[in-house]
C-alpha atoms as a PDB file:
ATOM      1  CA  MET A   1     -58.130  13.965 -59.632  1.00  0.00           C
ATOM      2  CA  ASP A   2     -60.012  16.367 -57.430  1.00  0.00           C
ATOM      3  CA  MET A   3     -58.563  19.632 -56.118  1.00  0.00           C
ATOM      4  CA  ASP A   4     -57.678  18.184 -52.700  1.00  0.00           C
ATOM      5  CA  GLN A   5     -55.728  15.339 -54.290  1.00  0.00           C
ATOM      6  CA  ASP A   6     -53.984  17.738 -56.663  1.00  0.00           C
ATOM      7  CA  LYS A   7     -53.020  20.007 -53.757  1.00  0.00           C
ATOM      8  CA  ALA A   8     -51.756  17.042 -51.714  1.00  0.00           C
ATOM      9  CA  LEU A   9     -49.684  15.721 -54.617  1.00  0.00           C
ATOM     10  CA  ARG A  10     -48.112  19.126 -55.252  1.00  0.00           C
ATOM     11  CA  LYS A  11     -47.290  19.456 -51.542  1.00  0.00           C
ATOM     12  CA  GLN A  12     -45.680  16.009 -51.470  1.00  0.00           C
ATOM     13  CA  LEU A  13     -43.674  16.759 -54.627  1.00  0.00           C
ATOM     14  CA  THR A  14     -42.433  19.981 -53.038  1.00  0.00           C
ATOM     15  CA  GLN A  15     -41.300  18.071 -49.947  1.00  0.00           C
ATOM     16  CA  LEU A  16     -39.615  15.461 -52.141  1.00  0.00           C
ATOM     17  CA  LEU A  17     -37.765  18.097 -54.166  1.00  0.00           C
ATOM     18  CA  ARG A  18     -36.534  19.949 -51.093  1.00  0.00           C
ATOM     19  CA  GLY A  19     -35.439  16.773 -49.308  1.00  0.00           C
ATOM     20  CA  GLY A  20     -35.316  16.206 -45.601  1.00  0.00           C
ATOM     21  CA  GLU A  21     -37.475  13.125 -45.404  1.00  0.00           C
ATOM     22  CA  ALA A  22     -35.687  10.138 -46.975  1.00  0.00           C
ATOM     23  CA  PHE A  23     -32.562  12.174 -47.701  1.00  0.00           C
ATOM     24  CA  ARG A  24     -30.967  15.293 -46.285  1.00  0.00           C
ATOM     25  CA  PRO A  25     -31.631  18.639 -47.982  1.00  0.00           C
ATOM     26  CA  VAL A  26     -28.990  19.866 -50.414  1.00  0.00           C
ATOM     27  CA  GLU A  27     -28.053  22.862 -48.276  1.00  0.00           C
ATOM     28  CA  GLU A  28     -27.383  20.567 -45.312  1.00  0.00           C
ATOM     29  CA  VAL A  29     -25.276  18.086 -47.295  1.00  0.00           C
ATOM     30  CA  LEU A  30     -23.210  20.863 -48.872  1.00  0.00           C
ATOM     31  CA  GLN A  31     -22.962  23.120 -45.810  1.00  0.00           C
ATOM     32  CA  GLY A  32     -19.443  23.902 -44.672  1.00  0.00           C
ATOM     33  CA  ILE A  33     -17.608  22.462 -47.662  1.00  0.00           C
ATOM     34  CA  THR A  34     -14.495  24.399 -48.566  1.00  0.00           C
ATOM     35  CA  ALA A  35     -13.093  24.756 -52.067  1.00  0.00           C
ATOM     36  CA  ALA A  36     -10.094  22.695 -50.972  1.00  0.00           C
ATOM     37  CA  GLU A  37     -12.284  19.883 -49.650  1.00  0.00           C
ATOM     38  CA  ALA A  38     -14.466  19.957 -52.756  1.00  0.00           C
ATOM     39  CA  GLY A  39     -11.422  19.193 -54.888  1.00  0.00           C
ATOM     40  CA  GLN A  40      -9.959  16.403 -52.783  1.00  0.00           C
ATOM     41  CA  THR A  41      -9.795  12.972 -54.353  1.00  0.00           C
ATOM     42  CA  VAL A  42     -10.471   9.679 -52.644  1.00  0.00           C
ATOM     43  CA  GLN A  43      -8.674   6.570 -53.828  1.00  0.00           C
ATOM     44  CA  GLN A  44     -10.791   4.381 -56.112  1.00  0.00           C
ATOM     45  CA  LEU A  45     -13.499   6.999 -56.628  1.00  0.00           C
ATOM     46  CA  PRO A  46     -13.630   8.634 -60.065  1.00  0.00           C
ATOM     47  CA  TYR A  47     -15.011  12.012 -58.957  1.00  0.00           C
ATOM     48  CA  THR A  48     -14.650  14.778 -56.402  1.00  0.00           C
ATOM     49  CA  ILE A  49     -17.344  16.616 -54.469  1.00  0.00           C
ATOM     50  CA  TRP A  50     -16.910  19.497 -56.920  1.00  0.00           C
ATOM     51  CA  GLN A  51     -17.520  17.281 -59.932  1.00  0.00           C
ATOM     52  CA  LEU A  52     -20.641  15.839 -58.290  1.00  0.00           C
ATOM     53  CA  MET A  53     -21.921  19.301 -57.401  1.00  0.00           C
ATOM     54  CA  GLU A  54     -21.422  20.581 -60.922  1.00  0.00           C
ATOM     55  CA  HIS A  55     -23.065  17.457 -62.350  1.00  0.00           C
ATOM     56  CA  LEU A  56     -26.037  18.036 -60.024  1.00  0.00           C
ATOM     57  CA  ARG A  57     -26.265  21.666 -61.118  1.00  0.00           C
ATOM     58  CA  PHE A  58     -25.978  20.922 -64.826  1.00  0.00           C
ATOM     59  CA  ALA A  59     -28.452  18.027 -64.825  1.00  0.00           C
ATOM     60  CA  LEU A  60     -30.939  20.016 -62.737  1.00  0.00           C
ATOM     61  CA  TYR A  61     -30.971  22.895 -65.205  1.00  0.00           C
ATOM     62  CA  ASP A  62     -31.076  20.494 -68.143  1.00  0.00           C
ATOM     63  CA  ILE A  63     -34.231  18.875 -66.728  1.00  0.00           C
ATOM     64  CA  LEU A  64     -35.721  22.299 -65.981  1.00  0.00           C
ATOM     65  CA  GLU A  65     -34.974  23.463 -69.518  1.00  0.00           C
ATOM     66  CA  PHE A  66     -36.544  20.334 -70.988  1.00  0.00           C
ATOM     67  CA  SER A  67     -39.661  20.805 -68.843  1.00  0.00           C
ATOM     68  CA  ARG A  68     -40.258  24.406 -69.916  1.00  0.00           C
ATOM     69  CA  ASN A  69     -38.780  24.830 -73.388  1.00  0.00           C
ATOM     70  CA  PRO A  70     -40.514  23.301 -76.422  1.00  0.00           C
ATOM     71  CA  ALA A  71     -37.359  24.051 -78.461  1.00  0.00           C
ATOM     72  CA  TYR A  72     -35.154  22.064 -76.046  1.00  0.00           C
ATOM     73  CA  THR A  73     -32.053  20.423 -77.461  1.00  0.00           C
ATOM     74  CA  ALA A  74     -30.304  17.782 -75.382  1.00  0.00           C
ATOM     75  CA  PRO A  75     -26.651  18.334 -74.481  1.00  0.00           C
ATOM     76  CA  ALA A  76     -24.091  15.685 -75.412  1.00  0.00           C
ATOM     77  CA  TRP A  77     -23.933  12.783 -72.978  1.00  0.00           C
ATOM     78  CA  PRO A  78     -21.742  12.348 -70.992  1.00  0.00           C
ATOM     79  CA  ASP A  79     -19.308  15.115 -71.911  1.00  0.00           C
ATOM     80  CA  ASP A  80     -21.626  18.063 -71.275  1.00  0.00           C
ATOM     81  CA  TYR A  81     -22.883  16.669 -67.966  1.00  0.00           C
ATOM     82  CA  TRP A  82     -19.529  16.280 -66.201  1.00  0.00           C
ATOM     83  CA  VAL A  83     -16.787  18.874 -65.643  1.00  0.00           C
ATOM     84  CA  SER A  84     -13.190  17.848 -66.085  1.00  0.00           C
ATOM     85  CA  GLU A  85     -11.908  20.231 -63.391  1.00  0.00           C
ATOM     86  CA  THR A  86     -11.584  18.381 -60.112  1.00  0.00           C
ATOM     87  CA  ALA A  87     -11.874  21.496 -57.937  1.00  0.00           C
ATOM     88  CA  PRO A  88     -13.528  24.905 -58.023  1.00  0.00           C
ATOM     89  CA  ALA A  89     -11.295  27.877 -58.781  1.00  0.00           C
ATOM     90  CA  ASP A  90     -12.096  29.352 -55.376  1.00  0.00           C
ATOM     91  CA  GLN A  91     -14.668  29.450 -52.572  1.00  0.00           C
ATOM     92  CA  ALA A  92     -16.795  31.981 -54.460  1.00  0.00           C
ATOM     93  CA  LYS A  93     -17.156  29.576 -57.391  1.00  0.00           C
ATOM     94  CA  LEU A  94     -18.170  26.797 -54.983  1.00  0.00           C
ATOM     95  CA  GLU A  95     -20.748  29.034 -53.297  1.00  0.00           C
ATOM     96  CA  ALA A  96     -22.136  30.119 -56.680  1.00  0.00           C
ATOM     97  CA  SER A  97     -22.650  26.482 -57.652  1.00  0.00           C
ATOM     98  CA  LEU A  98     -24.418  25.722 -54.372  1.00  0.00           C
ATOM     99  CA  GLN A  99     -26.658  28.773 -54.783  1.00  0.00           C
ATOM    100  CA  ALA A 100     -27.492  27.784 -58.368  1.00  0.00           C
ATOM    101  CA  ILE A 101     -28.457  24.276 -57.236  1.00  0.00           C
ATOM    102  CA  GLN A 102     -30.728  25.660 -54.521  1.00  0.00           C
ATOM    103  CA  GLU A 103     -32.293  28.150 -56.959  1.00  0.00           C
ATOM    104  CA  GLY A 104     -32.849  25.428 -59.556  1.00  0.00           C
ATOM    105  CA  ILE A 105     -34.646  23.244 -57.040  1.00  0.00           C
ATOM    106  CA  GLU A 106     -36.843  26.197 -56.098  1.00  0.00           C
ATOM    107  CA  GLN A 107     -37.598  26.857 -59.775  1.00  0.00           C
ATOM    108  CA  MET A 108     -38.943  23.306 -60.094  1.00  0.00           C
ATOM    109  CA  VAL A 109     -40.852  23.744 -56.815  1.00  0.00           C
ATOM    110  CA  GLN A 110     -42.481  26.859 -58.286  1.00  0.00           C
ATOM    111  CA  ARG A 111     -43.456  24.941 -61.435  1.00  0.00           C
ATOM    112  CA  VAL A 112     -44.925  22.123 -59.337  1.00  0.00           C
ATOM    113  CA  GLN A 113     -46.834  24.547 -57.110  1.00  0.00           C
ATOM    114  CA  ASP A 114     -48.236  26.456 -60.107  1.00  0.00           C
ATOM    115  CA  THR A 115     -51.709  24.976 -60.524  1.00  0.00           C
ATOM    116  CA  THR A 116     -51.839  26.207 -64.127  1.00  0.00           C
ATOM    117  CA  GLN A 117     -49.111  23.633 -64.843  1.00  0.00           C
ATOM    118  CA  ASP A 118     -50.726  20.239 -65.368  1.00  0.00           C
ATOM    119  CA  LEU A 119     -48.660  17.526 -63.756  1.00  0.00           C
ATOM    120  CA  PHE A 120     -49.851  14.729 -66.030  1.00  0.00           C
ATOM    121  CA  THR A 121     -50.099  16.130 -69.552  1.00  0.00           C
ATOM    122  CA  PRO A 122     -47.152  14.935 -71.653  1.00  0.00           C
ATOM    123  CA  PHE A 123     -44.939  17.666 -73.080  1.00  0.00           C
ATOM    124  CA  ALA A 124     -45.580  18.155 -76.797  1.00  0.00           C
ATOM    125  CA  HIS A 125     -41.817  18.137 -77.435  1.00  0.00           C
ATOM    126  CA  GLY A 126     -41.088  14.930 -75.507  1.00  0.00           C
ATOM    127  CA  ASP A 127     -41.945  11.286 -75.850  1.00  0.00           C
ATOM    128  CA  GLY A 128     -44.344  10.918 -72.954  1.00  0.00           C
ATOM    129  CA  GLN A 129     -42.569  12.909 -70.227  1.00  0.00           C
ATOM    130  CA  ASN A 130     -44.652  15.225 -68.066  1.00  0.00           C
ATOM    131  CA  LEU A 131     -44.029  17.669 -65.228  1.00  0.00           C
ATOM    132  CA  LEU A 132     -44.675  15.024 -62.570  1.00  0.00           C
ATOM    133  CA  ARG A 133     -42.041  12.743 -64.058  1.00  0.00           C
ATOM    134  CA  GLU A 134     -39.486  15.554 -64.409  1.00  0.00           C
ATOM    135  CA  ALA A 135     -39.989  16.723 -60.805  1.00  0.00           C
ATOM    136  CA  MET A 136     -39.519  13.171 -59.544  1.00  0.00           C
ATOM    137  CA  LEU A 137     -36.477  12.758 -61.795  1.00  0.00           C
ATOM    138  CA  ILE A 138     -34.837  15.819 -60.227  1.00  0.00           C
ATOM    139  CA  ALA A 139     -35.573  14.536 -56.718  1.00  0.00           C
ATOM    140  CA  GLU A 140     -34.267  11.047 -57.500  1.00  0.00           C
ATOM    141  CA  HIS A 141     -31.143  12.332 -59.248  1.00  0.00           C
ATOM    142  CA  ASN A 142     -30.389  14.766 -56.428  1.00  0.00           C
ATOM    143  CA  ALA A 143     -30.880  12.102 -53.740  1.00  0.00           C
ATOM    144  CA  TYR A 144     -28.521   9.713 -55.524  1.00  0.00           C
ATOM    145  CA  HIS A 145     -25.683  12.192 -55.925  1.00  0.00           C
ATOM    146  CA  LEU A 146     -26.186  13.834 -52.530  1.00  0.00           C
ATOM    147  CA  GLY A 147     -25.709  10.359 -51.062  1.00  0.00           C
ATOM    148  CA  GLU A 148     -22.431  10.072 -52.946  1.00  0.00           C
ATOM    149  CA  ILE A 149     -21.347  13.437 -51.554  1.00  0.00           C
ATOM    150  CA  VAL A 150     -22.140  12.269 -48.016  1.00  0.00           C
ATOM    151  CA  VAL A 151     -19.974   9.179 -48.576  1.00  0.00           C
ATOM    152  CA  LEU A 152     -17.141  11.342 -49.910  1.00  0.00           C
ATOM    153  CA  ARG A 153     -17.411  13.698 -46.948  1.00  0.00           C
ATOM    154  CA  ARG A 154     -17.284  10.726 -44.564  1.00  0.00           C
ATOM    155  CA  LEU A 155     -14.206   9.355 -46.297  1.00  0.00           C
ATOM    156  CA  LEU A 156     -12.605  12.795 -46.100  1.00  0.00           C
ATOM    157  CA  GLY A 157     -13.450  13.040 -42.392  1.00  0.00           C
ATOM    158  CA  ASN A 158     -15.906  15.919 -42.702  1.00  0.00           C
ATOM    159  CA  TRP A 159     -19.235  14.305 -41.897  1.00  0.00           C
ATOM    160  CA  GLU A 160     -20.628  12.962 -38.670  1.00  0.00           C
END
């Protein structure tokens, strides 16, 4: 891959991570949610907006940790990836989660934009995963769960 292709790929990965093309950016999907709304349940759905947000946050940082830590140890699935609380304690807790999600996305963007980080070389501590795969995994995972949050917001009457 020449330098122009590498630069183009990193730019496209950054756009994919931040959203706004095939799916709405995280800050837009989560804008205006109150702690009360985040904890509301919808009949026949097994999760709240809060539980989805916390799952997004946890999985994002788990993928980041895997991509940068050779001593990575995987959390227990599914227990460590999902919170049992249906609602945040308060608005500050909700805002902290949103900020952490945005910061985590930007941390992966920084890794992708760092040209000293090879996108294709498999991690020594993995079984074939590389930075390209992990960046795409974050984008795919975020898009999936952000879509669920949009559906929940529509069902709760707080989405256009």
